[in-house]
Amino acid sequence: MMPTNKKLVSRRTALKTALKATAAAVAPMIVPSSALGLAGAVPPSDRVTVAGLGIGGCGERDLGSFLSQKDVQFMAICDVRNERREAIKSMADKHHGNRDCAMYSDMYELWDRKDIDAVLIATGDRWHTLLSILTAKSGKDVYCEKPCSMTIGQSRALADNYQRLGRIYQAGTQRRNGSNFKYLFDMAGSGKLGKLHTLHANVGPGDRWPPKTSHD
């Protein structure tokens, strides 16, 4: 006779227990299609992980261009202003569809992260050289807004450090690369404008002058 203090285990209960155990074992094997590079997504191993230092209006436009690239994942923002940190985090999280963008007020915390490949620097002009060099020393590549530096000596130090460290540096020199500016540069160099005696520089926002031409 079976003891009364032991419960009988039905076949249904045993089956449920077995199914739960099977589900627990299989669960780690179920991964999002984006992690496998399916449905047009770039797998994590091929993504460029990016962070930002001091991203304001101009930097935000740069970040928009970064995010338009499918292989870019924006990981963190560092800024002394909380409202800027919040704005950039919101922009990145909305684009990626998550809440993963970290926020820092201390740049050394950002540099300490080993999972970041490159940093977008769009702080005030006088910080560009120093922050770019320190970022390279932390093992990360850099895209930095213009100007690269404030003096020729700073530019030399910037170039020397990047060559020595083997990192990649790209400056945001859109006004040098724009087709309308290149067109005028070629015109001046060819002599078609005659002898130049006075030059005027426009430092206002945007490429409003010279206007775009059919030579774009």
N, C-alpha and C. Protein backbone atom coordinates (compact mmCIF):
# COMPACT_ATOMS: atom_id res chain seq x y z
N MET A 1 0.86 -1.19 0.00
CA MET A 1 0.00 0.00 0.00
C MET A 1 0.89 1.25 0.00
N MET A 2 0.59 2.27 -0.88
CA MET A 2 1.42 3.48 -1.02
C MET A 2 1.17 4.41 0.16
N PRO A 3 2.21 4.99 0.75
CA PRO A 3 2.05 5.90 1.89
C PRO A 3 1.17 7.08 1.54
N THR A 4 0.36 7.55 2.48
CA THR A 4 -0.59 8.64 2.21
C THR A 4 0.08 10.00 2.17
N ASN A 5 1.33 10.16 2.68
CA ASN A 5 1.99 11.47 2.74
C ASN A 5 2.74 11.80 1.45
N LYS A 6 2.65 10.96 0.46
CA LYS A 6 3.28 11.21 -0.84
C LYS A 6 2.20 11.45 -1.88
N LYS A 7 2.41 12.49 -2.66
CA LYS A 7 1.43 12.82 -3.70
C LYS A 7 1.74 12.05 -4.96
N LEU A 8 0.70 11.67 -5.62
CA LEU A 8 0.86 11.02 -6.91
C LEU A 8 1.17 12.06 -7.98
N VAL A 9 2.11 11.76 -8.84
CA VAL A 9 2.48 12.66 -9.93
C VAL A 9 1.82 12.17 -11.20
N SER A 10 0.91 12.96 -11.71
CA SER A 10 0.20 12.55 -12.93
C SER A 10 1.08 12.70 -14.14
N ARG A 11 0.71 12.04 -15.22
CA ARG A 11 1.46 12.15 -16.47
C ARG A 11 1.43 13.58 -16.99
N ARG A 12 0.30 14.28 -16.78
CA ARG A 12 0.19 15.66 -17.24
C ARG A 12 1.18 16.57 -16.52
N THR A 13 1.30 16.38 -15.21
CA THR A 13 2.25 17.17 -14.43
C THR A 13 3.69 16.89 -14.86
N ALA A 14 3.98 15.63 -15.10
CA ALA A 14 5.32 15.25 -15.54
C ALA A 14 5.65 15.86 -16.90
N LEU A 15 4.65 15.89 -17.78
CA LEU A 15 4.85 16.45 -19.11
C LEU A 15 5.12 17.95 -19.04
N LYS A 16 4.36 18.66 -18.18
CA LYS A 16 4.55 20.10 -18.03
C LYS A 16 5.96 20.40 -17.51
N THR A 17 6.40 19.61 -16.55
CA THR A 17 7.74 19.80 -15.99
C THR A 17 8.81 19.58 -17.04
N ALA A 18 8.62 18.57 -17.87
CA ALA A 18 9.59 18.27 -18.93
C ALA A 18 9.64 19.39 -19.95
N LEU A 19 8.46 19.95 -20.30
CA LEU A 19 8.40 21.01 -21.30
C LEU A 19 9.08 22.28 -20.79
N LYS A 20 8.88 22.58 -19.50
CA LYS A 20 9.53 23.76 -18.93
C LYS A 20 11.04 23.61 -18.95
N ALA A 21 11.51 22.43 -18.63
CA ALA A 21 12.95 22.18 -18.62
C ALA A 21 13.53 22.31 -20.03
N THR A 22 12.78 21.81 -21.03
CA THR A 22 13.22 21.90 -22.43
C THR A 22 13.26 23.35 -22.89
N ALA A 23 12.23 24.12 -22.50
CA ALA A 23 12.17 25.53 -22.90
C ALA A 23 13.33 26.30 -22.31
N ALA A 24 13.66 26.02 -21.05
CA ALA A 24 14.77 26.71 -20.39
C ALA A 24 16.09 26.40 -21.07
N ALA A 25 16.23 25.18 -21.55
CA ALA A 25 17.48 24.78 -22.21
C ALA A 25 17.61 25.39 -23.60
N VAL A 26 16.46 25.56 -24.29
CA VAL A 26 16.47 26.05 -25.67
C VAL A 26 16.50 27.57 -25.71
N ALA A 27 15.96 28.25 -24.68
CA ALA A 27 15.81 29.71 -24.70
C ALA A 27 17.07 30.47 -25.10
N PRO A 28 18.26 30.13 -24.58
CA PRO A 28 19.45 30.88 -24.96
C PRO A 28 19.79 30.78 -26.43
N MET A 29 19.24 29.81 -27.13
CA MET A 29 19.55 29.65 -28.55
C MET A 29 18.66 30.51 -29.42
N ILE A 30 17.60 31.13 -28.84
CA ILE A 30 16.70 31.98 -29.61
C ILE A 30 17.22 33.40 -29.55
N VAL A 31 17.70 33.94 -30.66
CA VAL A 31 18.29 35.28 -30.70
C VAL A 31 17.57 36.12 -31.74
N PRO A 32 17.57 37.45 -31.56
CA PRO A 32 16.93 38.32 -32.54
C PRO A 32 17.59 38.20 -33.90
N SER A 33 16.79 38.39 -34.95
CA SER A 33 17.34 38.28 -36.30
C SER A 33 18.41 39.33 -36.55
N SER A 34 18.29 40.51 -35.88
CA SER A 34 19.29 41.57 -36.07
C SER A 34 20.66 41.14 -35.60
N ALA A 35 20.70 40.27 -34.58
CA ALA A 35 21.98 39.79 -34.06
C ALA A 35 22.66 38.84 -35.03
N LEU A 36 21.89 38.29 -35.96
CA LEU A 36 22.44 37.36 -36.94
C LEU A 36 22.68 38.03 -38.29
N GLY A 37 22.38 39.33 -38.35
CA GLY A 37 22.56 40.04 -39.61
C GLY A 37 21.48 39.73 -40.62
N LEU A 38 20.29 39.32 -40.16
CA LEU A 38 19.19 39.00 -41.06
C LEU A 38 18.31 40.22 -41.29
N ALA A 39 17.44 40.13 -42.28
CA ALA A 39 16.48 41.20 -42.60
C ALA A 39 17.17 42.53 -42.84
N GLY A 40 18.34 42.50 -43.45
CA GLY A 40 19.06 43.73 -43.77
C GLY A 40 19.85 44.33 -42.63
N ALA A 41 19.81 43.72 -41.44
CA ALA A 41 20.54 44.25 -40.29
C ALA A 41 22.01 43.86 -40.36
N VAL A 42 22.85 44.70 -39.75
CA VAL A 42 24.28 44.43 -39.69
C VAL A 42 24.57 43.70 -38.38
N PRO A 43 25.22 42.53 -38.42
CA PRO A 43 25.50 41.80 -37.18
C PRO A 43 26.43 42.59 -36.28
N PRO A 44 26.32 42.39 -34.95
CA PRO A 44 27.15 43.15 -34.00
C PRO A 44 28.64 43.12 -34.30
N SER A 45 29.14 42.01 -34.80
CA SER A 45 30.58 41.89 -35.06
C SER A 45 31.05 42.83 -36.16
N ASP A 46 30.12 43.31 -37.00
CA ASP A 46 30.49 44.19 -38.10
C ASP A 46 30.10 45.65 -37.85
N ARG A 47 29.55 45.95 -36.69
CA ARG A 47 29.12 47.31 -36.39
C ARG A 47 30.26 48.16 -35.83
N VAL A 48 30.20 49.46 -36.11
CA VAL A 48 31.13 50.42 -35.54
C VAL A 48 30.43 51.07 -34.36
N THR A 49 30.95 50.85 -33.17
CA THR A 49 30.33 51.43 -31.98
C THR A 49 30.91 52.81 -31.73
N VAL A 50 30.03 53.80 -31.56
CA VAL A 50 30.43 55.20 -31.49
C VAL A 50 29.89 55.86 -30.22
N ALA A 51 30.66 56.79 -29.69
CA ALA A 51 30.23 57.62 -28.57
C ALA A 51 30.44 59.08 -28.95
N GLY A 52 29.89 59.99 -28.13
CA GLY A 52 30.02 61.41 -28.44
C GLY A 52 30.55 62.22 -27.27
N LEU A 53 31.34 63.24 -27.59
CA LEU A 53 31.84 64.18 -26.58
C LEU A 53 31.38 65.59 -26.94
N GLY A 54 30.54 66.19 -26.09
CA GLY A 54 30.13 67.57 -26.31
C GLY A 54 29.36 67.79 -27.59
N ILE A 55 28.23 67.14 -27.73
CA ILE A 55 27.46 67.24 -28.98
C ILE A 55 26.37 68.29 -28.84
N GLY A 56 26.54 69.41 -29.55
CA GLY A 56 25.54 70.46 -29.62
C GLY A 56 24.86 70.46 -30.97
N GLY A 57 24.55 71.66 -31.48
CA GLY A 57 23.83 71.77 -32.75
C GLY A 57 24.56 71.15 -33.93
N CYS A 58 25.82 71.54 -34.12
CA CYS A 58 26.60 71.01 -35.24
C CYS A 58 26.87 69.52 -35.05
N GLY A 59 27.23 69.14 -33.82
CA GLY A 59 27.47 67.73 -33.54
C GLY A 59 26.24 66.89 -33.73
N GLU A 60 25.07 67.45 -33.44
CA GLU A 60 23.83 66.70 -33.62
C GLU A 60 23.58 66.40 -35.09
N ARG A 61 23.92 67.36 -35.95
CA ARG A 61 23.80 67.11 -37.39
C ARG A 61 24.79 66.02 -37.82
N ASP A 62 25.99 66.06 -37.27
CA ASP A 62 26.97 65.01 -37.56
C ASP A 62 26.44 63.64 -37.13
N LEU A 63 25.86 63.61 -35.92
CA LEU A 63 25.33 62.35 -35.40
C LEU A 63 24.22 61.81 -36.29
N GLY A 64 23.39 62.71 -36.82
CA GLY A 64 22.35 62.27 -37.74
C GLY A 64 22.93 61.57 -38.95
N SER A 65 24.06 62.08 -39.45
CA SER A 65 24.73 61.43 -40.59
C SER A 65 25.30 60.09 -40.18
N PHE A 66 25.85 60.02 -38.96
CA PHE A 66 26.38 58.75 -38.46
C PHE A 66 25.27 57.70 -38.40
N LEU A 67 24.14 58.09 -37.82
CA LEU A 67 23.05 57.14 -37.61
C LEU A 67 22.41 56.67 -38.90
N SER A 68 22.62 57.42 -39.99
CA SER A 68 22.07 57.00 -41.28
C SER A 68 22.83 55.81 -41.86
N GLN A 69 23.99 55.50 -41.26
CA GLN A 69 24.77 54.35 -41.69
C GLN A 69 24.33 53.11 -40.91
N LYS A 70 23.97 52.06 -41.61
CA LYS A 70 23.42 50.87 -40.96
C LYS A 70 24.41 50.18 -40.02
N ASP A 71 25.71 50.37 -40.25
CA ASP A 71 26.69 49.66 -39.43
C ASP A 71 27.17 50.48 -38.23
N VAL A 72 26.51 51.61 -37.94
CA VAL A 72 26.89 52.44 -36.80
C VAL A 72 25.92 52.23 -35.64
N GLN A 73 26.46 52.02 -34.46
CA GLN A 73 25.67 51.90 -33.24
C GLN A 73 26.18 52.93 -32.24
N PHE A 74 25.34 53.89 -31.88
CA PHE A 74 25.74 54.96 -30.96
C PHE A 74 25.52 54.47 -29.54
N MET A 75 26.60 54.43 -28.74
CA MET A 75 26.58 53.77 -27.44
C MET A 75 26.48 54.71 -26.25
N ALA A 76 27.06 55.93 -26.35
CA ALA A 76 27.14 56.78 -25.16
C ALA A 76 27.37 58.24 -25.53
N ILE A 77 26.92 59.12 -24.64
CA ILE A 77 27.13 60.55 -24.81
C ILE A 77 27.73 61.11 -23.53
N CYS A 78 28.76 61.94 -23.67
CA CYS A 78 29.38 62.62 -22.54
C CYS A 78 29.29 64.12 -22.78
N ASP A 79 28.69 64.83 -21.84
CA ASP A 79 28.55 66.28 -21.96
C ASP A 79 28.40 66.85 -20.56
N VAL A 80 28.91 68.07 -20.33
CA VAL A 80 28.79 68.69 -19.01
C VAL A 80 27.36 69.19 -18.78
N ARG A 81 26.60 69.35 -19.85
CA ARG A 81 25.22 69.86 -19.73
C ARG A 81 24.24 68.70 -19.78
N ASN A 82 23.46 68.57 -18.72
CA ASN A 82 22.52 67.46 -18.62
C ASN A 82 21.48 67.49 -19.73
N GLU A 83 21.01 68.69 -20.09
CA GLU A 83 19.97 68.76 -21.13
C GLU A 83 20.49 68.26 -22.47
N ARG A 84 21.80 68.45 -22.73
CA ARG A 84 22.38 67.95 -23.97
C ARG A 84 22.53 66.42 -23.91
N ARG A 85 22.92 65.93 -22.76
CA ARG A 85 23.01 64.47 -22.61
C ARG A 85 21.66 63.82 -22.86
N GLU A 86 20.63 64.39 -22.26
CA GLU A 86 19.29 63.83 -22.40
C GLU A 86 18.81 63.89 -23.85
N ALA A 87 19.09 65.01 -24.52
CA ALA A 87 18.64 65.18 -25.91
C ALA A 87 19.31 64.17 -26.84
N ILE A 88 20.61 63.97 -26.67
CA ILE A 88 21.33 63.04 -27.54
C ILE A 88 20.95 61.60 -27.23
N LYS A 89 20.78 61.29 -25.95
CA LYS A 89 20.33 59.94 -25.59
C LYS A 89 18.97 59.64 -26.21
N SER A 90 18.07 60.61 -26.14
CA SER A 90 16.73 60.43 -26.71
C SER A 90 16.82 60.19 -28.22
N MET A 91 17.68 60.93 -28.88
CA MET A 91 17.87 60.80 -30.33
C MET A 91 18.40 59.41 -30.68
N ALA A 92 19.41 58.96 -29.94
CA ALA A 92 20.03 57.66 -30.22
C ALA A 92 19.08 56.52 -29.88
N ASP A 93 18.43 56.59 -28.72
CA ASP A 93 17.53 55.53 -28.31
C ASP A 93 16.35 55.39 -29.27
N LYS A 94 15.83 56.51 -29.72
CA LYS A 94 14.71 56.47 -30.67
C LYS A 94 15.14 55.80 -31.97
N HIS A 95 16.34 56.12 -32.42
CA HIS A 95 16.84 55.53 -33.67
C HIS A 95 17.05 54.02 -33.53
N HIS A 96 17.66 53.60 -32.42
CA HIS A 96 17.98 52.18 -32.24
C HIS A 96 16.81 51.37 -31.68
N GLY A 97 15.78 52.06 -31.18
CA GLY A 97 14.64 51.34 -30.64
C GLY A 97 14.91 50.68 -29.31
N ASN A 98 15.76 51.33 -28.48
CA ASN A 98 16.05 50.77 -27.15
C ASN A 98 16.35 51.91 -26.18
N ARG A 99 16.89 51.59 -25.01
CA ARG A 99 17.25 52.60 -24.01
C ARG A 99 18.71 52.40 -23.59
N ASP A 100 19.54 52.00 -24.54
CA ASP A 100 20.90 51.57 -24.23
C ASP A 100 21.94 52.67 -24.22
N CYS A 101 21.64 53.83 -24.75
CA CYS A 101 22.65 54.90 -24.81
C CYS A 101 22.97 55.39 -23.40
N ALA A 102 24.23 55.24 -22.99
CA ALA A 102 24.65 55.65 -21.66
C ALA A 102 24.99 57.14 -21.65
N MET A 103 24.88 57.76 -20.47
CA MET A 103 25.18 59.18 -20.32
C MET A 103 26.29 59.37 -19.29
N TYR A 104 27.25 60.25 -19.61
CA TYR A 104 28.36 60.54 -18.71
C TYR A 104 28.59 62.05 -18.63
N SER A 105 29.02 62.51 -17.47
CA SER A 105 29.48 63.89 -17.33
C SER A 105 30.99 63.93 -17.20
N ASP A 106 31.60 62.76 -16.99
CA ASP A 106 33.06 62.63 -16.86
C ASP A 106 33.60 61.88 -18.08
N MET A 107 34.41 62.55 -18.88
CA MET A 107 34.90 61.95 -20.12
C MET A 107 35.79 60.74 -19.87
N TYR A 108 36.44 60.67 -18.71
CA TYR A 108 37.30 59.53 -18.42
C TYR A 108 36.50 58.24 -18.28
N GLU A 109 35.26 58.36 -17.84
CA GLU A 109 34.40 57.18 -17.76
C GLU A 109 34.09 56.66 -19.15
N LEU A 110 33.90 57.56 -20.08
CA LEU A 110 33.64 57.14 -21.46
C LEU A 110 34.89 56.49 -22.06
N TRP A 111 36.06 57.11 -21.85
CA TRP A 111 37.30 56.56 -22.40
C TRP A 111 37.61 55.19 -21.82
N ASP A 112 37.15 54.91 -20.61
CA ASP A 112 37.43 53.62 -19.98
C ASP A 112 36.68 52.47 -20.63
N ARG A 113 35.64 52.76 -21.39
CA ARG A 113 34.85 51.70 -22.00
C ARG A 113 35.62 51.06 -23.17
N LYS A 114 35.74 49.74 -23.13
CA LYS A 114 36.49 49.02 -24.14
C LYS A 114 35.62 48.59 -25.32
N ASP A 115 34.30 48.80 -25.20
CA ASP A 115 33.39 48.37 -26.26
C ASP A 115 33.06 49.49 -27.23
N ILE A 116 33.78 50.61 -27.17
CA ILE A 116 33.54 51.74 -28.07
C ILE A 116 34.72 51.86 -29.04
N ASP A 117 34.39 51.91 -30.33
CA ASP A 117 35.43 51.96 -31.37
C ASP A 117 35.89 53.38 -31.69
N ALA A 118 34.94 54.32 -31.73
CA ALA A 118 35.26 55.67 -32.18
C ALA A 118 34.44 56.70 -31.42
N VAL A 119 34.92 57.94 -31.43
CA VAL A 119 34.27 59.03 -30.71
C VAL A 119 34.07 60.23 -31.63
N LEU A 120 32.85 60.76 -31.60
CA LEU A 120 32.52 62.00 -32.30
C LEU A 120 32.75 63.15 -31.33
N ILE A 121 33.66 64.07 -31.68
CA ILE A 121 33.99 65.20 -30.82
C ILE A 121 33.47 66.49 -31.47
N ALA A 122 32.58 67.19 -30.75
CA ALA A 122 32.02 68.44 -31.28
C ALA A 122 31.92 69.47 -30.17
N THR A 123 32.96 69.54 -29.34
CA THR A 123 33.02 70.50 -28.24
C THR A 123 33.42 71.87 -28.78
N GLY A 124 33.71 72.82 -27.87
CA GLY A 124 34.25 74.10 -28.29
C GLY A 124 35.60 73.92 -28.95
N ASP A 125 35.96 74.86 -29.80
CA ASP A 125 37.18 74.75 -30.63
C ASP A 125 38.44 74.46 -29.83
N ARG A 126 38.61 75.10 -28.69
CA ARG A 126 39.87 75.00 -27.94
C ARG A 126 40.10 73.64 -27.29
N TRP A 127 39.08 72.81 -27.28
CA TRP A 127 39.21 71.46 -26.71
C TRP A 127 39.53 70.40 -27.76
N HIS A 128 39.43 70.74 -29.02
CA HIS A 128 39.51 69.72 -30.07
C HIS A 128 40.82 68.93 -30.04
N THR A 129 41.94 69.61 -30.00
CA THR A 129 43.23 68.92 -30.07
C THR A 129 43.46 68.02 -28.87
N LEU A 130 43.28 68.57 -27.68
CA LEU A 130 43.54 67.79 -26.46
C LEU A 130 42.62 66.58 -26.37
N LEU A 131 41.32 66.77 -26.59
CA LEU A 131 40.38 65.65 -26.49
C LEU A 131 40.65 64.60 -27.56
N SER A 132 41.05 65.03 -28.74
CA SER A 132 41.34 64.07 -29.81
C SER A 132 42.55 63.21 -29.46
N ILE A 133 43.58 63.84 -28.90
CA ILE A 133 44.79 63.09 -28.52
C ILE A 133 44.48 62.13 -27.38
N LEU A 134 43.76 62.59 -26.36
CA LEU A 134 43.43 61.72 -25.23
C LEU A 134 42.52 60.57 -25.66
N THR A 135 41.64 60.83 -26.61
CA THR A 135 40.76 59.77 -27.12
C THR A 135 41.58 58.71 -27.85
N ALA A 136 42.55 59.15 -28.63
CA ALA A 136 43.42 58.19 -29.33
C ALA A 136 44.21 57.36 -28.32
N LYS A 137 44.67 57.99 -27.25
CA LYS A 137 45.43 57.26 -26.24
C LYS A 137 44.57 56.24 -25.50
N SER A 138 43.24 56.44 -25.52
CA SER A 138 42.34 55.46 -24.90
C SER A 138 42.03 54.31 -25.85
N GLY A 139 42.61 54.35 -27.07
CA GLY A 139 42.44 53.26 -28.01
C GLY A 139 41.26 53.40 -28.95
N LYS A 140 40.81 54.64 -29.18
CA LYS A 140 39.64 54.86 -30.01
C LYS A 140 39.97 55.79 -31.17
N ASP A 141 39.26 55.61 -32.28
CA ASP A 141 39.40 56.50 -33.43
C ASP A 141 38.52 57.73 -33.22
N VAL A 142 38.72 58.77 -34.06
CA VAL A 142 38.04 60.05 -33.84
C VAL A 142 37.52 60.67 -35.12
N TYR A 143 36.30 61.20 -35.03
CA TYR A 143 35.81 62.19 -36.00
C TYR A 143 35.61 63.46 -35.20
N CYS A 144 36.35 64.52 -35.56
CA CYS A 144 36.31 65.77 -34.80
C CYS A 144 35.87 66.92 -35.69
N GLU A 145 35.00 67.76 -35.15
CA GLU A 145 34.59 68.94 -35.89
C GLU A 145 35.77 69.89 -36.07
N LYS A 146 35.70 70.70 -37.09
CA LYS A 146 36.73 71.70 -37.31
C LYS A 146 36.63 72.81 -36.26
N PRO A 147 37.74 73.50 -35.97
CA PRO A 147 39.09 73.30 -36.49
C PRO A 147 39.80 72.15 -35.78
N CYS A 148 40.78 71.58 -36.44
CA CYS A 148 41.57 70.51 -35.82
C CYS A 148 42.30 71.03 -34.60
N SER A 149 42.76 72.28 -34.68
CA SER A 149 43.56 72.86 -33.59
C SER A 149 43.50 74.38 -33.69
N MET A 150 44.15 75.04 -32.73
CA MET A 150 44.20 76.50 -32.73
C MET A 150 45.54 77.04 -33.20
N THR A 151 46.56 76.15 -33.26
CA THR A 151 47.89 76.59 -33.69
C THR A 151 48.53 75.51 -34.55
N ILE A 152 49.57 75.89 -35.27
CA ILE A 152 50.32 74.93 -36.08
C ILE A 152 50.98 73.88 -35.17
N GLY A 153 51.47 74.33 -34.00
CA GLY A 153 52.10 73.40 -33.07
C GLY A 153 51.13 72.34 -32.58
N GLN A 154 49.88 72.72 -32.30
CA GLN A 154 48.87 71.76 -31.88
C GLN A 154 48.57 70.76 -33.01
N SER A 155 48.51 71.27 -34.24
CA SER A 155 48.26 70.38 -35.38
C SER A 155 49.38 69.36 -35.53
N ARG A 156 50.64 69.81 -35.30
CA ARG A 156 51.77 68.90 -35.40
C ARG A 156 51.70 67.82 -34.31
N ALA A 157 51.32 68.24 -33.11
CA ALA A 157 51.19 67.28 -31.99
C ALA A 157 50.07 66.29 -32.28
N LEU A 158 49.00 66.78 -32.86
CA LEU A 158 47.86 65.92 -33.21
C LEU A 158 48.29 64.86 -34.22
N ALA A 159 48.96 65.29 -35.28
CA ALA A 159 49.40 64.36 -36.32
C ALA A 159 50.42 63.36 -35.78
N ASP A 160 51.37 63.85 -34.99
CA ASP A 160 52.41 62.97 -34.45
C ASP A 160 51.82 61.88 -33.56
N ASN A 161 50.87 62.25 -32.71
CA ASN A 161 50.27 61.28 -31.79
C ASN A 161 49.46 60.23 -32.55
N TYR A 162 48.73 60.64 -33.56
CA TYR A 162 47.92 59.67 -34.30
C TYR A 162 48.78 58.72 -35.12
N GLN A 163 49.87 59.23 -35.66
CA GLN A 163 50.79 58.36 -36.39
C GLN A 163 51.46 57.38 -35.44
N ARG A 164 51.84 57.85 -34.28
CA ARG A 164 52.52 56.99 -33.31
C ARG A 164 51.58 55.93 -32.73
N LEU A 165 50.33 56.31 -32.49
CA LEU A 165 49.37 55.40 -31.87
C LEU A 165 48.65 54.52 -32.88
N GLY A 166 48.76 54.85 -34.16
CA GLY A 166 48.11 54.04 -35.19
C GLY A 166 46.60 54.14 -35.19
N ARG A 167 46.06 55.29 -34.75
CA ARG A 167 44.62 55.48 -34.74
C ARG A 167 44.18 56.27 -35.97
N ILE A 168 42.86 56.30 -36.21
CA ILE A 168 42.29 57.01 -37.36
C ILE A 168 41.69 58.33 -36.90
N TYR A 169 42.01 59.40 -37.62
CA TYR A 169 41.46 60.73 -37.31
C TYR A 169 40.84 61.32 -38.57
N GLN A 170 39.62 61.83 -38.43
CA GLN A 170 38.95 62.51 -39.54
C GLN A 170 38.41 63.84 -39.03
N ALA A 171 38.75 64.92 -39.72
CA ALA A 171 38.25 66.24 -39.34
C ALA A 171 37.04 66.60 -40.20
N GLY A 172 36.12 67.33 -39.59
CA GLY A 172 34.93 67.77 -40.33
C GLY A 172 35.24 69.02 -41.14
N THR A 173 35.79 68.86 -42.30
CA THR A 173 36.18 70.00 -43.14
C THR A 173 35.28 70.10 -44.37
N GLN A 174 33.96 70.16 -44.10
CA GLN A 174 33.01 70.17 -45.21
C GLN A 174 33.21 71.35 -46.15
N ARG A 175 33.60 72.49 -45.61
CA ARG A 175 33.77 73.66 -46.47
C ARG A 175 34.96 73.50 -47.43
N ARG A 176 35.87 72.63 -47.10
CA ARG A 176 36.97 72.36 -48.02
C ARG A 176 36.58 71.32 -49.07
N ASN A 177 35.64 70.46 -48.71
CA ASN A 177 35.27 69.37 -49.60
C ASN A 177 34.04 69.66 -50.46
N GLY A 178 33.28 70.71 -50.09
CA GLY A 178 32.05 71.00 -50.83
C GLY A 178 32.34 71.33 -52.29
N SER A 179 31.47 70.88 -53.16
CA SER A 179 31.71 71.06 -54.60
C SER A 179 31.74 72.53 -55.00
N ASN A 180 30.92 73.38 -54.34
CA ASN A 180 30.93 74.80 -54.71
C ASN A 180 32.24 75.47 -54.32
N PHE A 181 32.81 75.10 -53.16
CA PHE A 181 34.09 75.67 -52.76
C PHE A 181 35.23 75.14 -53.62
N LYS A 182 35.16 73.89 -53.97
CA LYS A 182 36.19 73.32 -54.83
C LYS A 182 36.17 74.00 -56.21
N TYR A 183 34.96 74.30 -56.68
CA TYR A 183 34.82 74.97 -57.98
C TYR A 183 35.53 76.33 -57.97
N LEU A 184 35.31 77.12 -56.90
CA LEU A 184 35.95 78.43 -56.81
C LEU A 184 37.45 78.31 -56.62
N PHE A 185 37.87 77.29 -55.86
CA PHE A 185 39.30 77.05 -55.68
C PHE A 185 39.97 76.79 -57.02
N ASP A 186 39.32 75.95 -57.83
CA ASP A 186 39.87 75.65 -59.16
C ASP A 186 39.87 76.88 -60.04
N MET A 187 38.82 77.71 -59.92
CA MET A 187 38.75 78.94 -60.72
C MET A 187 39.90 79.88 -60.36
N ALA A 188 40.15 80.01 -59.05
CA ALA A 188 41.22 80.90 -58.62
C ALA A 188 42.58 80.36 -59.04
N GLY A 189 42.77 79.05 -58.91
CA GLY A 189 44.05 78.45 -59.26
C GLY A 189 44.34 78.49 -60.74
N SER A 190 43.31 78.48 -61.55
CA SER A 190 43.50 78.47 -63.00
C SER A 190 43.78 79.85 -63.57
N GLY A 191 43.57 80.90 -62.76
CA GLY A 191 43.79 82.25 -63.25
C GLY A 191 42.57 82.86 -63.92
N LYS A 192 41.47 82.16 -63.99
CA LYS A 192 40.27 82.67 -64.65
C LYS A 192 39.65 83.86 -63.92
N LEU A 193 39.96 84.00 -62.63
CA LEU A 193 39.44 85.13 -61.87
C LEU A 193 40.36 86.34 -61.92
N GLY A 194 41.48 86.20 -62.63
CA GLY A 194 42.43 87.29 -62.70
C GLY A 194 43.29 87.37 -61.45
N LYS A 195 43.94 88.51 -61.25
CA LYS A 195 44.80 88.70 -60.10
C LYS A 195 43.95 89.02 -58.87
N LEU A 196 44.07 88.22 -57.83
CA LEU A 196 43.29 88.42 -56.62
C LEU A 196 44.00 89.42 -55.71
N HIS A 197 43.29 90.45 -55.27
CA HIS A 197 43.89 91.44 -54.39
C HIS A 197 43.18 91.54 -53.04
N THR A 198 41.93 91.06 -52.96
CA THR A 198 41.19 91.10 -51.70
C THR A 198 40.35 89.84 -51.56
N LEU A 199 40.41 89.20 -50.41
CA LEU A 199 39.63 87.99 -50.15
C LEU A 199 38.72 88.22 -48.94
N HIS A 200 37.49 87.76 -49.03
CA HIS A 200 36.54 87.88 -47.94
C HIS A 200 36.16 86.47 -47.47
N ALA A 201 36.10 86.29 -46.16
CA ALA A 201 35.74 84.98 -45.60
C ALA A 201 34.41 85.10 -44.85
N ASN A 202 33.54 84.14 -45.06
CA ASN A 202 32.25 84.09 -44.38
C ASN A 202 32.31 82.98 -43.35
N VAL A 203 32.13 83.32 -42.07
CA VAL A 203 32.18 82.31 -41.01
C VAL A 203 30.79 82.03 -40.44
N GLY A 204 29.76 82.42 -41.16
CA GLY A 204 28.40 82.17 -40.72
C GLY A 204 28.02 80.71 -40.86
N PRO A 205 26.88 80.31 -40.28
CA PRO A 205 26.45 78.91 -40.35
C PRO A 205 26.01 78.49 -41.74
N GLY A 206 26.35 77.28 -42.11
CA GLY A 206 25.88 76.72 -43.38
C GLY A 206 26.70 77.21 -44.57
N ASP A 207 26.54 76.55 -45.69
CA ASP A 207 27.24 76.92 -46.92
C ASP A 207 26.32 77.78 -47.78
N ARG A 208 25.98 78.98 -47.29
CA ARG A 208 25.07 79.83 -48.03
C ARG A 208 25.78 80.60 -49.13
N TRP A 209 27.08 80.69 -49.03
CA TRP A 209 27.86 81.38 -50.06
C TRP A 209 29.17 80.63 -50.24
N PRO A 210 29.62 80.42 -51.46
CA PRO A 210 28.92 80.73 -52.70
C PRO A 210 27.75 79.77 -52.94
N PRO A 211 26.79 80.19 -53.74
CA PRO A 211 25.64 79.32 -53.98
C PRO A 211 26.04 78.06 -54.75
N LYS A 212 25.22 77.03 -54.62
CA LYS A 212 25.47 75.82 -55.39
C LYS A 212 25.37 76.12 -56.88
N THR A 213 26.21 75.45 -57.65
CA THR A 213 26.24 75.71 -59.09
C THR A 213 25.98 74.43 -59.85
N SER A 214 25.89 74.56 -61.14
CA SER A 214 25.68 73.39 -62.00
C SER A 214 26.91 72.50 -62.06
N HIS A 215 28.00 72.98 -61.43
CA HIS A 215 29.25 72.20 -61.42
C HIS A 215 29.29 71.21 -60.27
N ASP A 216 28.18 71.11 -59.47
CA ASP A 216 28.15 70.18 -58.33
C ASP A 216 28.40 68.76 -58.80
